[in-house]
Amino acid sequence: MPGSIDQSGQLRRPLRHGSSGRARKAPPGARPDFLIRLTNATILVLEVKGQDSPQNRAKRNFLDEWIQAVNQHGGFGRWAWAVSRLPADVAGILADVNRDAA
């Protein structure tokens, strides 16, 4: 299982099996900025970043793998992720993810 939600509803730090078959832990400090449940029941992990960095790219790579694993598992609903670089991006991101998952 790539991650879990405990009895209190807290998302536990996910594990992911990498291409080597070994479990990988999330990068340190890899907590989502926002978890948003959309009207189509998709859970969107929204990251807000002003500037990019190697650490942010590593977190996004891990997040992409984790989202794919959660969706492949199928037991946690549908998940998606996006990055907003400007506040004006958010409305479009929400509309796109809500439409894509419908």
PDB file of N, CA and C in Angstrom:
ATOM      1  N   MET A   1       0.853  -1.170   0.000  1.00  0.00           N
ATOM      2  CA  MET A   1       0.000   0.000   0.000  1.00  0.00           C
ATOM      3  C   MET A   1       0.898   1.230   0.000  1.00  0.00           C
ATOM      4  N   PRO A   2       0.646   2.208  -0.904  1.00  0.00           N
ATOM      5  CA  PRO A   2       1.535   3.340  -1.037  1.00  0.00           C
ATOM      6  C   PRO A   2       1.448   4.351   0.085  1.00  0.00           C
ATOM      7  N   GLY A   3       0.396   4.368   0.816  1.00  0.00           N
ATOM      8  CA  GLY A   3       0.225   5.305   1.914  1.00  0.00           C
ATOM      9  C   GLY A   3      -1.042   4.919   2.635  1.00  0.00           C
ATOM     10  N   SER A   4      -1.332   5.589   3.707  1.00  0.00           N
ATOM     11  CA  SER A   4      -2.548   5.236   4.421  1.00  0.00           C
ATOM     12  C   SER A   4      -3.089   6.440   5.166  1.00  0.00           C
ATOM     13  N   ILE A   5      -4.357   6.360   5.480  1.00  0.00           N
ATOM     14  CA  ILE A   5      -5.000   7.366   6.310  1.00  0.00           C
ATOM     15  C   ILE A   5      -5.350   6.661   7.615  1.00  0.00           C
ATOM     16  N   ASP A   6      -4.845   7.183   8.735  1.00  0.00           N
ATOM     17  CA  ASP A   6      -5.071   6.510  10.014  1.00  0.00           C
ATOM     18  C   ASP A   6      -6.486   6.775  10.538  1.00  0.00           C
ATOM     19  N   GLN A   7      -6.801   6.223  11.713  1.00  0.00           N
ATOM     20  CA  GLN A   7      -8.147   6.313  12.264  1.00  0.00           C
ATOM     21  C   GLN A   7      -8.590   7.749  12.534  1.00  0.00           C
ATOM     22  N   SER A   8      -7.650   8.635  12.778  1.00  0.00           N
ATOM     23  CA  SER A   8      -8.014  10.032  13.033  1.00  0.00           C
ATOM     24  C   SER A   8      -8.155  10.820  11.731  1.00  0.00           C
ATOM     25  N   GLY A   9      -7.961  10.165  10.586  1.00  0.00           N
ATOM     26  CA  GLY A   9      -8.088  10.825   9.297  1.00  0.00           C
ATOM     27  C   GLY A   9      -6.819  11.492   8.821  1.00  0.00           C
ATOM     28  N   GLN A  10      -5.703  11.280   9.520  1.00  0.00           N
ATOM     29  CA  GLN A  10      -4.436  11.886   9.135  1.00  0.00           C
ATOM     30  C   GLN A  10      -3.768  11.062   8.050  1.00  0.00           C
ATOM     31  N   LEU A  11      -3.271  11.750   7.024  1.00  0.00           N
ATOM     32  CA  LEU A  11      -2.544  11.084   5.959  1.00  0.00           C
ATOM     33  C   LEU A  11      -1.144  10.770   6.468  1.00  0.00           C
ATOM     34  N   ARG A  12      -0.796   9.526   6.495  1.00  0.00           N
ATOM     35  CA  ARG A  12       0.526   9.111   6.969  1.00  0.00           C
ATOM     36  C   ARG A  12       1.548   9.273   5.863  1.00  0.00           C
ATOM     37  N   ARG A  13       2.791   9.477   6.233  1.00  0.00           N
ATOM     38  CA  ARG A  13       3.870   9.627   5.265  1.00  0.00           C
ATOM     39  C   ARG A  13       3.881   8.403   4.363  1.00  0.00           C
ATOM     40  N   PRO A  14       3.744   8.627   3.076  1.00  0.00           N
ATOM     41  CA  PRO A  14       3.616   7.501   2.159  1.00  0.00           C
ATOM     42  C   PRO A  14       4.943   6.801   1.891  1.00  0.00           C
ATOM     43  N   LEU A  15       4.836   5.548   1.557  1.00  0.00           N
ATOM     44  CA  LEU A  15       5.961   4.770   1.056  1.00  0.00           C
ATOM     45  C   LEU A  15       5.668   4.423  -0.389  1.00  0.00           C
ATOM     46  N   ARG A  16       6.674   4.329  -1.175  1.00  0.00           N
ATOM     47  CA  ARG A  16       6.488   3.996  -2.583  1.00  0.00           C
ATOM     48  C   ARG A  16       7.585   3.031  -2.976  1.00  0.00           C
ATOM     49  N   HIS A  17       7.221   2.015  -3.717  1.00  0.00           N
ATOM     50  CA  HIS A  17       8.223   1.095  -4.240  1.00  0.00           C
ATOM     51  C   HIS A  17       8.762   1.672  -5.526  1.00  0.00           C
ATOM     52  N   GLY A  18      10.029   1.999  -5.522  1.00  0.00           N
ATOM     53  CA  GLY A  18      10.668   2.562  -6.703  1.00  0.00           C
ATOM     54  C   GLY A  18      10.946   1.489  -7.732  1.00  0.00           C
ATOM     55  N   SER A  19      11.567   1.879  -8.824  1.00  0.00           N
ATOM     56  CA  SER A  19      11.847   0.938  -9.903  1.00  0.00           C
ATOM     57  C   SER A  19      12.783  -0.172  -9.438  1.00  0.00           C
ATOM     58  N   SER A  20      13.532   0.067  -8.358  1.00  0.00           N
ATOM     59  CA  SER A  20      14.427  -0.963  -7.834  1.00  0.00           C
ATOM     60  C   SER A  20      13.668  -1.993  -7.009  1.00  0.00           C
ATOM     61  N   GLY A  21      12.377  -1.718  -6.723  1.00  0.00           N
ATOM     62  CA  GLY A  21      11.591  -2.643  -5.917  1.00  0.00           C
ATOM     63  C   GLY A  21      11.698  -2.369  -4.428  1.00  0.00           C
ATOM     64  N   ARG A  22      12.554  -1.425  -4.045  1.00  0.00           N
ATOM     65  CA  ARG A  22      12.701  -1.087  -2.626  1.00  0.00           C
ATOM     66  C   ARG A  22      11.741   0.036  -2.276  1.00  0.00           C
ATOM     67  N   ALA A  23      11.278   0.006  -1.047  1.00  0.00           N
ATOM     68  CA  ALA A  23      10.380   1.070  -0.586  1.00  0.00           C
ATOM     69  C   ALA A  23      11.163   2.370  -0.479  1.00  0.00           C
ATOM     70  N   ARG A  24      10.542   3.449  -0.933  1.00  0.00           N
ATOM     71  CA  ARG A  24      11.128   4.785  -0.830  1.00  0.00           C
ATOM     72  C   ARG A  24      10.288   5.616   0.100  1.00  0.00           C
ATOM     73  N   LYS A  25      10.933   6.411   0.927  1.00  0.00           N
ATOM     74  CA  LYS A  25      10.198   7.345   1.776  1.00  0.00           C
ATOM     75  C   LYS A  25      10.108   8.682   1.073  1.00  0.00           C
ATOM     76  N   ALA A  26       9.085   9.421   1.443  1.00  0.00           N
ATOM     77  CA  ALA A  26       8.925  10.770   0.905  1.00  0.00           C
ATOM     78  C   ALA A  26      10.122  11.613   1.319  1.00  0.00           C
ATOM     79  N   PRO A  27      10.504  12.576   0.477  1.00  0.00           N
ATOM     80  CA  PRO A  27      11.598  13.480   0.858  1.00  0.00           C
ATOM     81  C   PRO A  27      11.249  14.199   2.156  1.00  0.00           C
ATOM     82  N   PRO A  28      12.250  14.539   2.961  1.00  0.00           N
ATOM     83  CA  PRO A  28      11.989  15.256   4.217  1.00  0.00           C
ATOM     84  C   PRO A  28      11.196  16.533   3.957  1.00  0.00           C
ATOM     85  N   GLY A  29      10.236  16.781   4.805  1.00  0.00           N
ATOM     86  CA  GLY A  29       9.429  17.982   4.671  1.00  0.00           C
ATOM     87  C   GLY A  29       8.393  17.915   3.561  1.00  0.00           C
ATOM     88  N   ALA A  30       8.165  16.735   3.006  1.00  0.00           N
ATOM     89  CA  ALA A  30       7.220  16.592   1.892  1.00  0.00           C
ATOM     90  C   ALA A  30       5.798  16.487   2.420  1.00  0.00           C
ATOM     91  N   ARG A  31       5.245  17.598   2.752  1.00  0.00           N
ATOM     92  CA  ARG A  31       3.850  17.688   3.187  1.00  0.00           C
ATOM     93  C   ARG A  31       3.142  18.580   2.173  1.00  0.00           C
ATOM     94  N   PRO A  32       1.955  18.199   1.750  1.00  0.00           N
ATOM     95  CA  PRO A  32       1.265  19.024   0.748  1.00  0.00           C
ATOM     96  C   PRO A  32       0.845  20.365   1.321  1.00  0.00           C
ATOM     97  N   ASP A  33       0.844  21.380   0.453  1.00  0.00           N
ATOM     98  CA  ASP A  33       0.362  22.694   0.881  1.00  0.00           C
ATOM     99  C   ASP A  33      -1.146  22.648   1.120  1.00  0.00           C
ATOM    100  N   PHE A  34      -1.870  22.024   0.193  1.00  0.00           N
ATOM    101  CA  PHE A  34      -3.326  21.929   0.316  1.00  0.00           C
ATOM    102  C   PHE A  34      -3.816  20.581  -0.191  1.00  0.00           C
ATOM    103  N   LEU A  35      -4.781  19.999   0.518  1.00  0.00           N
ATOM    104  CA  LEU A  35      -5.548  18.849   0.045  1.00  0.00           C
ATOM    105  C   LEU A  35      -6.959  19.358  -0.164  1.00  0.00           C
ATOM    106  N   ILE A  36      -7.454  19.250  -1.389  1.00  0.00           N
ATOM    107  CA  ILE A  36      -8.748  19.820  -1.736  1.00  0.00           C
ATOM    108  C   ILE A  36      -9.637  18.711  -2.295  1.00  0.00           C
ATOM    109  N   ARG A  37     -10.797  18.500  -1.677  1.00  0.00           N
ATOM    110  CA  ARG A  37     -11.765  17.542  -2.230  1.00  0.00           C
ATOM    111  C   ARG A  37     -12.671  18.318  -3.182  1.00  0.00           C
ATOM    112  N   LEU A  38     -12.620  17.941  -4.465  1.00  0.00           N
ATOM    113  CA  LEU A  38     -13.396  18.626  -5.489  1.00  0.00           C
ATOM    114  C   LEU A  38     -14.824  18.087  -5.547  1.00  0.00           C
ATOM    115  N   THR A  39     -15.683  18.781  -6.279  1.00  0.00           N
ATOM    116  CA  THR A  39     -17.089  18.379  -6.359  1.00  0.00           C
ATOM    117  C   THR A  39     -17.260  17.009  -7.008  1.00  0.00           C
ATOM    118  N   ASN A  40     -16.287  16.572  -7.804  1.00  0.00           N
ATOM    119  CA  ASN A  40     -16.367  15.241  -8.411  1.00  0.00           C
ATOM    120  C   ASN A  40     -15.708  14.178  -7.532  1.00  0.00           C
ATOM    121  N   ALA A  41     -15.399  14.514  -6.286  1.00  0.00           N
ATOM    122  CA  ALA A  41     -14.808  13.634  -5.267  1.00  0.00           C
ATOM    123  C   ALA A  41     -13.321  13.379  -5.463  1.00  0.00           C
ATOM    124  N   THR A  42     -12.704  13.960  -6.482  1.00  0.00           N
ATOM    125  CA  THR A  42     -11.253  13.861  -6.642  1.00  0.00           C
ATOM    126  C   THR A  42     -10.587  14.638  -5.516  1.00  0.00           C
ATOM    127  N   ILE A  43      -9.503  14.087  -4.986  1.00  0.00           N
ATOM    128  CA  ILE A  43      -8.717  14.804  -3.985  1.00  0.00           C
ATOM    129  C   ILE A  43      -7.510  15.385  -4.714  1.00  0.00           C
ATOM    130  N   LEU A  44      -7.416  16.696  -4.707  1.00  0.00           N
ATOM    131  CA  LEU A  44      -6.338  17.406  -5.380  1.00  0.00           C
ATOM    132  C   LEU A  44      -5.277  17.793  -4.368  1.00  0.00           C
ATOM    133  N   VAL A  45      -4.040  17.406  -4.631  1.00  0.00           N
ATOM    134  CA  VAL A  45      -2.889  17.862  -3.852  1.00  0.00           C
ATOM    135  C   VAL A  45      -2.367  19.090  -4.591  1.00  0.00           C
ATOM    136  N   LEU A  46      -2.548  20.261  -3.992  1.00  0.00           N
ATOM    137  CA  LEU A  46      -2.140  21.510  -4.626  1.00  0.00           C
ATOM    138  C   LEU A  46      -0.905  22.047  -3.926  1.00  0.00           C
ATOM    139  N   GLU A  47       0.144  22.206  -4.700  1.00  0.00           N
ATOM    140  CA  GLU A  47       1.382  22.798  -4.208  1.00  0.00           C
ATOM    141  C   GLU A  47       1.447  24.235  -4.723  1.00  0.00           C
ATOM    142  N   VAL A  48       1.865  25.141  -3.868  1.00  0.00           N
ATOM    143  CA  VAL A  48       1.990  26.553  -4.232  1.00  0.00           C
ATOM    144  C   VAL A  48       3.469  26.903  -4.170  1.00  0.00           C
ATOM    145  N   LYS A  49       4.031  27.276  -5.301  1.00  0.00           N
ATOM    146  CA  LYS A  49       5.464  27.562  -5.377  1.00  0.00           C
ATOM    147  C   LYS A  49       5.693  28.851  -6.139  1.00  0.00           C
ATOM    148  N   GLY A  50       6.492  29.723  -5.589  1.00  0.00           N
ATOM    149  CA  GLY A  50       6.860  30.946  -6.286  1.00  0.00           C
ATOM    150  C   GLY A  50       8.012  30.714  -7.233  1.00  0.00           C
ATOM    151  N   GLN A  51       9.020  29.995  -6.769  1.00  0.00           N
ATOM    152  CA  GLN A  51      10.186  29.692  -7.596  1.00  0.00           C
ATOM    153  C   GLN A  51      10.454  28.202  -7.516  1.00  0.00           C
ATOM    154  N   ASP A  52      11.058  27.686  -8.563  1.00  0.00           N
ATOM    155  CA  ASP A  52      11.373  26.272  -8.593  1.00  0.00           C
ATOM    156  C   ASP A  52      12.771  26.040  -8.037  1.00  0.00           C
ATOM    157  N   SER A  53      13.015  24.829  -7.584  1.00  0.00           N
ATOM    158  CA  SER A  53      14.330  24.456  -7.061  1.00  0.00           C
ATOM    159  C   SER A  53      14.512  22.960  -7.269  1.00  0.00           C
ATOM    160  N   PRO A  54      15.734  22.460  -7.166  1.00  0.00           N
ATOM    161  CA  PRO A  54      15.943  21.013  -7.270  1.00  0.00           C
ATOM    162  C   PRO A  54      15.151  20.237  -6.215  1.00  0.00           C
ATOM    163  N   GLN A  55      15.043  20.779  -5.005  1.00  0.00           N
ATOM    164  CA  GLN A  55      14.272  20.112  -3.954  1.00  0.00           C
ATOM    165  C   GLN A  55      12.792  20.038  -4.332  1.00  0.00           C
ATOM    166  N   ASN A  56      12.244  21.127  -4.878  1.00  0.00           N
ATOM    167  CA  ASN A  56      10.845  21.124  -5.303  1.00  0.00           C
ATOM    168  C   ASN A  56      10.609  20.136  -6.439  1.00  0.00           C
ATOM    169  N   ARG A  57      11.550  20.033  -7.372  1.00  0.00           N
ATOM    170  CA  ARG A  57      11.413  19.064  -8.474  1.00  0.00           C
ATOM    171  C   ARG A  57      11.435  17.638  -7.931  1.00  0.00           C
ATOM    172  N   ALA A  58      12.289  17.369  -6.953  1.00  0.00           N
ATOM    173  CA  ALA A  58      12.342  16.031  -6.350  1.00  0.00           C
ATOM    174  C   ALA A  58      11.029  15.705  -5.651  1.00  0.00           C
ATOM    175  N   LYS A  59      10.466  16.681  -4.941  1.00  0.00           N
ATOM    176  CA  LYS A  59       9.182  16.470  -4.271  1.00  0.00           C
ATOM    177  C   LYS A  59       8.079  16.204  -5.290  1.00  0.00           C
ATOM    178  N   ARG A  60       8.081  16.948  -6.413  1.00  0.00           N
ATOM    179  CA  ARG A  60       7.060  16.730  -7.448  1.00  0.00           C
ATOM    180  C   ARG A  60       7.206  15.358  -8.085  1.00  0.00           C
ATOM    181  N   ASN A  61       8.430  14.915  -8.314  1.00  0.00           N
ATOM    182  CA  ASN A  61       8.636  13.577  -8.872  1.00  0.00           C
ATOM    183  C   ASN A  61       8.082  12.515  -7.940  1.00  0.00           C
ATOM    184  N   PHE A  62       8.359  12.671  -6.653  1.00  0.00           N
ATOM    185  CA  PHE A  62       7.837  11.718  -5.681  1.00  0.00           C
ATOM    186  C   PHE A  62       6.319  11.793  -5.639  1.00  0.00           C
ATOM    187  N   LEU A  63       5.768  12.999  -5.625  1.00  0.00           N
ATOM    188  CA  LEU A  63       4.324  13.177  -5.580  1.00  0.00           C
ATOM    189  C   LEU A  63       3.657  12.529  -6.787  1.00  0.00           C
ATOM    190  N   ASP A  64       4.235  12.698  -7.965  1.00  0.00           N
ATOM    191  CA  ASP A  64       3.676  12.089  -9.163  1.00  0.00           C
ATOM    192  C   ASP A  64       3.636  10.561  -9.031  1.00  0.00           C
ATOM    193  N   GLU A  65       4.726   9.971  -8.555  1.00  0.00           N
ATOM    194  CA  GLU A  65       4.761   8.515  -8.346  1.00  0.00           C
ATOM    195  C   GLU A  65       3.715   8.090  -7.315  1.00  0.00           C
ATOM    196  N   TRP A  66       3.596   8.860  -6.240  1.00  0.00           N
ATOM    197  CA  TRP A  66       2.670   8.506  -5.171  1.00  0.00           C
ATOM    198  C   TRP A  66       1.227   8.570  -5.660  1.00  0.00           C
ATOM    199  N   ILE A  67       0.884   9.635  -6.393  1.00  0.00           N
ATOM    200  CA  ILE A  67      -0.477   9.782  -6.927  1.00  0.00           C
ATOM    201  C   ILE A  67      -0.791   8.625  -7.869  1.00  0.00           C
ATOM    202  N   GLN A  68       0.138   8.267  -8.727  1.00  0.00           N
ATOM    203  CA  GLN A  68      -0.076   7.138  -9.640  1.00  0.00           C
ATOM    204  C   GLN A  68      -0.325   5.848  -8.860  1.00  0.00           C
ATOM    205  N   ALA A  69       0.454   5.627  -7.812  1.00  0.00           N
ATOM    206  CA  ALA A  69       0.309   4.402  -7.010  1.00  0.00           C
ATOM    207  C   ALA A  69      -1.033   4.379  -6.271  1.00  0.00           C
ATOM    208  N   VAL A  70      -1.440   5.506  -5.710  1.00  0.00           N
ATOM    209  CA  VAL A  70      -2.720   5.575  -5.002  1.00  0.00           C
ATOM    210  C   VAL A  70      -3.870   5.320  -5.968  1.00  0.00           C
ATOM    211  N   ASN A  71      -3.819   5.934  -7.143  1.00  0.00           N
ATOM    212  CA  ASN A  71      -4.880   5.731  -8.132  1.00  0.00           C
ATOM    213  C   ASN A  71      -4.892   4.299  -8.659  1.00  0.00           C
ATOM    214  N   GLN A  72      -3.719   3.707  -8.827  1.00  0.00           N
ATOM    215  CA  GLN A  72      -3.649   2.323  -9.285  1.00  0.00           C
ATOM    216  C   GLN A  72      -4.218   1.379  -8.226  1.00  0.00           C
ATOM    217  N   HIS A  73      -3.958   1.667  -6.959  1.00  0.00           N
ATOM    218  CA  HIS A  73      -4.493   0.852  -5.866  1.00  0.00           C
ATOM    219  C   HIS A  73      -6.018   0.876  -5.896  1.00  0.00           C
ATOM    220  N   GLY A  74      -6.587   2.068  -6.063  1.00  0.00           N
ATOM    221  CA  GLY A  74      -8.023   2.210  -6.204  1.00  0.00           C
ATOM    222  C   GLY A  74      -8.823   2.271  -4.915  1.00  0.00           C
ATOM    223  N   GLY A  75      -8.213   2.035  -3.780  1.00  0.00           N
ATOM    224  CA  GLY A  75      -8.952   2.002  -2.527  1.00  0.00           C
ATOM    225  C   GLY A  75      -9.069   3.322  -1.801  1.00  0.00           C
ATOM    226  N   PHE A  76      -8.524   4.389  -2.361  1.00  0.00           N
ATOM    227  CA  PHE A  76      -8.521   5.688  -1.690  1.00  0.00           C
ATOM    228  C   PHE A  76      -9.197   6.770  -2.525  1.00  0.00           C
ATOM    229  N   GLY A  77      -9.976   6.386  -3.516  1.00  0.00           N
ATOM    230  CA  GLY A  77     -10.604   7.356  -4.397  1.00  0.00           C
ATOM    231  C   GLY A  77      -9.626   7.811  -5.465  1.00  0.00           C
ATOM    232  N   ARG A  78     -10.035   8.826  -6.213  1.00  0.00           N
ATOM    233  CA  ARG A  78      -9.181   9.363  -7.269  1.00  0.00           C
ATOM    234  C   ARG A  78      -8.424  10.570  -6.729  1.00  0.00           C
ATOM    235  N   TRP A  79      -7.133  10.615  -7.001  1.00  0.00           N
ATOM    236  CA  TRP A  79      -6.268  11.701  -6.567  1.00  0.00           C
ATOM    237  C   TRP A  79      -5.619  12.349  -7.787  1.00  0.00           C
ATOM    238  N   ALA A  80      -5.306  13.629  -7.678  1.00  0.00           N
ATOM    239  CA  ALA A  80      -4.592  14.367  -8.707  1.00  0.00           C
ATOM    240  C   ALA A  80      -3.678  15.373  -8.010  1.00  0.00           C
ATOM    241  N   TRP A  81      -2.742  15.922  -8.767  1.00  0.00           N
ATOM    242  CA  TRP A  81      -1.876  16.940  -8.182  1.00  0.00           C
ATOM    243  C   TRP A  81      -1.626  18.044  -9.200  1.00  0.00           C
ATOM    244  N   ALA A  82      -1.291  19.206  -8.682  1.00  0.00           N
ATOM    245  CA  ALA A  82      -0.972  20.355  -9.531  1.00  0.00           C
ATOM    246  C   ALA A  82      -0.104  21.317  -8.745  1.00  0.00           C
ATOM    247  N   VAL A  83       0.566  22.188  -9.485  1.00  0.00           N
ATOM    248  CA  VAL A  83       1.396  23.239  -8.884  1.00  0.00           C
ATOM    249  C   VAL A  83       0.879  24.577  -9.371  1.00  0.00           C
ATOM    250  N   SER A  84       0.659  25.487  -8.439  1.00  0.00           N
ATOM    251  CA  SER A  84       0.286  26.856  -8.766  1.00  0.00           C
ATOM    252  C   SER A  84       1.493  27.747  -8.528  1.00  0.00           C
ATOM    253  N   ARG A  85       1.846  28.523  -9.522  1.00  0.00           N
ATOM    254  CA  ARG A  85       2.958  29.456  -9.385  1.00  0.00           C
ATOM    255  C   ARG A  85       2.466  30.882  -9.126  1.00  0.00           C
ATOM    256  N   LEU A  86       1.196  31.139  -9.480  1.00  0.00           N
ATOM    257  CA  LEU A  86       0.594  32.454  -9.275  1.00  0.00           C
ATOM    258  C   LEU A  86      -0.796  32.262  -8.685  1.00  0.00           C
ATOM    259  N   PRO A  87      -1.249  33.147  -7.803  1.00  0.00           N
ATOM    260  CA  PRO A  87      -2.598  33.014  -7.250  1.00  0.00           C
ATOM    261  C   PRO A  87      -3.672  32.937  -8.334  1.00  0.00           C
ATOM    262  N   ALA A  88      -3.460  33.626  -9.436  1.00  0.00           N
ATOM    263  CA  ALA A  88      -4.440  33.623 -10.523  1.00  0.00           C
ATOM    264  C   ALA A  88      -4.577  32.246 -11.186  1.00  0.00           C
ATOM    265  N   ASP A  89      -3.619  31.340 -10.969  1.00  0.00           N
ATOM    266  CA  ASP A  89      -3.651  29.998 -11.566  1.00  0.00           C
ATOM    267  C   ASP A  89      -4.688  29.091 -10.916  1.00  0.00           C
ATOM    268  N   VAL A  90      -5.030  29.341  -9.669  1.00  0.00           N
ATOM    269  CA  VAL A  90      -5.778  28.373  -8.866  1.00  0.00           C
ATOM    270  C   VAL A  90      -7.149  28.058  -9.461  1.00  0.00           C
ATOM    271  N   ALA A  91      -7.910  29.058  -9.854  1.00  0.00           N
ATOM    272  CA  ALA A  91      -9.257  28.805 -10.395  1.00  0.00           C
ATOM    273  C   ALA A  91      -9.191  27.917 -11.632  1.00  0.00           C
ATOM    274  N   GLY A  92      -8.239  28.171 -12.510  1.00  0.00           N
ATOM    275  CA  GLY A  92      -8.092  27.351 -13.712  1.00  0.00           C
ATOM    276  C   GLY A  92      -7.665  25.929 -13.383  1.00  0.00           C
ATOM    277  N   ILE A  93      -6.769  25.767 -12.417  1.00  0.00           N
ATOM    278  CA  ILE A  93      -6.328  24.437 -12.006  1.00  0.00           C
ATOM    279  C   ILE A  93      -7.504  23.641 -11.461  1.00  0.00           C
ATOM    280  N   LEU A  94      -8.283  24.264 -10.585  1.00  0.00           N
ATOM    281  CA  LEU A  94      -9.441  23.574 -10.007  1.00  0.00           C
ATOM    282  C   LEU A  94     -10.426  23.163 -11.093  1.00  0.00           C
ATOM    283  N   ALA A  95     -10.712  24.063 -12.026  1.00  0.00           N
ATOM    284  CA  ALA A  95     -11.651  23.751 -13.108  1.00  0.00           C
ATOM    285  C   ALA A  95     -11.112  22.632 -13.990  1.00  0.00           C
ATOM    286  N   ASP A  96      -9.821  22.673 -14.330  1.00  0.00           N
ATOM    287  CA  ASP A  96      -9.229  21.637 -15.189  1.00  0.00           C
ATOM    288  C   ASP A  96      -9.275  20.275 -14.542  1.00  0.00           C
ATOM    289  N   VAL A  97      -8.881  20.185 -13.285  1.00  0.00           N
ATOM    290  CA  VAL A  97      -8.857  18.879 -12.598  1.00  0.00           C
ATOM    291  C   VAL A  97     -10.275  18.371 -12.398  1.00  0.00           C
ATOM    292  N   ASN A  98     -11.191  19.255 -12.056  1.00  0.00           N
ATOM    293  CA  ASN A  98     -12.578  18.856 -11.870  1.00  0.00           C
ATOM    294  C   ASN A  98     -13.170  18.330 -13.181  1.00  0.00           C
ATOM    295  N   ARG A  99     -12.851  18.980 -14.286  1.00  0.00           N
ATOM    296  CA  ARG A  99     -13.345  18.560 -15.614  1.00  0.00           C
ATOM    297  C   ARG A  99     -12.668  17.267 -16.076  1.00  0.00           C
ATOM    298  N   ASP A 100     -11.345  17.179 -15.915  1.00  0.00           N
ATOM    299  CA  ASP A 100     -10.603  16.000 -16.376  1.00  0.00           C
ATOM    300  C   ASP A 100     -11.031  14.720 -15.686  1.00  0.00           C
ATOM    301  N   ALA A 101     -11.427  14.827 -14.445  1.00  0.00           N
ATOM    302  CA  ALA A 101     -11.768  13.636 -13.678  1.00  0.00           C
ATOM    303  C   ALA A 101     -13.225  13.230 -13.847  1.00  0.00           C
ATOM    304  N   ALA A 102     -14.008  14.082 -14.469  1.00  0.00           N
ATOM    305  CA  ALA A 102     -15.454  13.775 -14.618  1.00  0.00           C
ATOM    306  C   ALA A 102     -15.692  12.712 -15.670  1.00  0.00           C
TER     307      ALA A 102
END
